[in-house]
Amino acid sequence: MIGFLYRYGCNAWRILRDDEEGIGTLELVLIVAVLIAIVLVFREEIIGFLRTLMEKVENKSNEVFD
């Protein structure tokens, strides 16, 4: 019984290892995970940059409409 389970497990692992169909999905998930990690690490800098950018846009739009 244990030998059967071992062979079944080895065959299942071999099939999963050799199956390349899910590689694109895995790559996409890893890219998204890295981007989320970068955003979390640099959250304050990103927020500061966006605030500065929006202030500049607001100042320029006030100049145009005044």
Protein backbone atom coordinates (compact mmCIF):
# COMPACT_ATOMS: atom_id res chain seq x y z
CA MET A 1 0.00 0.00 0.00
CA ILE A 2 2.80 2.43 0.93
CA GLY A 3 4.69 1.52 -2.24
CA PHE A 4 1.61 2.28 -4.32
CA LEU A 5 1.18 5.68 -2.65
CA TYR A 6 4.86 6.46 -3.15
CA ARG A 7 4.73 5.58 -6.87
CA TYR A 8 1.47 7.53 -7.27
CA GLY A 9 3.01 10.55 -5.56
CA CYS A 10 6.15 10.36 -7.68
CA ASN A 11 4.11 10.12 -10.88
CA ALA A 12 1.88 13.02 -9.82
CA TRP A 13 4.94 15.14 -9.01
CA ARG A 14 6.54 14.28 -12.37
CA ILE A 15 3.36 15.27 -14.22
CA LEU A 16 3.13 18.60 -12.36
CA ARG A 17 6.83 19.28 -12.84
CA ASP A 18 6.75 18.63 -16.58
CA ASP A 19 3.49 20.53 -17.17
CA GLU A 20 4.39 23.99 -18.50
CA GLU A 21 0.86 25.22 -19.11
CA GLY A 22 0.65 27.23 -15.88
CA ILE A 23 4.01 28.95 -16.27
CA GLY A 24 2.50 32.13 -17.75
CA THR A 25 0.10 32.47 -14.85
CA LEU A 26 2.88 31.90 -12.33
CA GLU A 27 5.04 34.56 -13.96
CA LEU A 28 2.17 37.03 -13.90
CA VAL A 29 1.47 36.34 -10.23
CA LEU A 30 5.15 36.78 -9.36
CA ILE A 31 5.35 40.09 -11.26
CA VAL A 32 2.24 41.39 -9.48
CA ALA A 33 3.63 40.28 -6.11
CA VAL A 34 6.92 42.11 -6.75
CA LEU A 35 5.06 45.27 -7.80
CA ILE A 36 2.91 45.16 -4.66
CA ALA A 37 6.02 44.70 -2.52
CA ILE A 38 7.69 47.70 -4.18
CA VAL A 39 4.60 49.84 -3.62
CA LEU A 40 4.47 48.83 0.05
CA VAL A 41 8.16 49.61 0.58
CA PHE A 42 8.04 52.99 -1.18
CA ARG A 43 4.48 53.94 -0.18
CA GLU A 44 5.39 57.26 1.49
CA GLU A 45 7.62 58.37 -1.38
CA ILE A 46 4.91 57.52 -3.94
CA ILE A 47 2.25 59.41 -1.97
CA GLY A 48 4.56 62.42 -1.60
CA PHE A 49 5.34 62.40 -5.31
CA LEU A 50 1.65 62.22 -6.23
CA ARG A 51 0.77 65.07 -3.84
CA THR A 52 3.51 67.26 -5.33
CA LEU A 53 2.37 66.40 -8.83
CA MET A 54 -1.27 67.20 -8.06
CA GLU A 55 -0.28 70.52 -6.45
CA LYS A 56 1.65 71.47 -9.58
CA VAL A 57 -1.32 70.53 -11.76
CA GLU A 58 -3.64 72.58 -9.55
CA ASN A 59 -1.30 75.60 -9.65
CA LYS A 60 -0.96 75.42 -13.43
CA SER A 61 -4.71 75.07 -13.90
CA ASN A 62 -5.28 78.10 -11.65
CA GLU A 63 -2.82 80.07 -13.79
CA VAL A 64 -4.70 79.12 -16.95
CA PHE A 65 -8.13 80.01 -15.61
CA ASP A 66 -7.09 83.29 -13.88
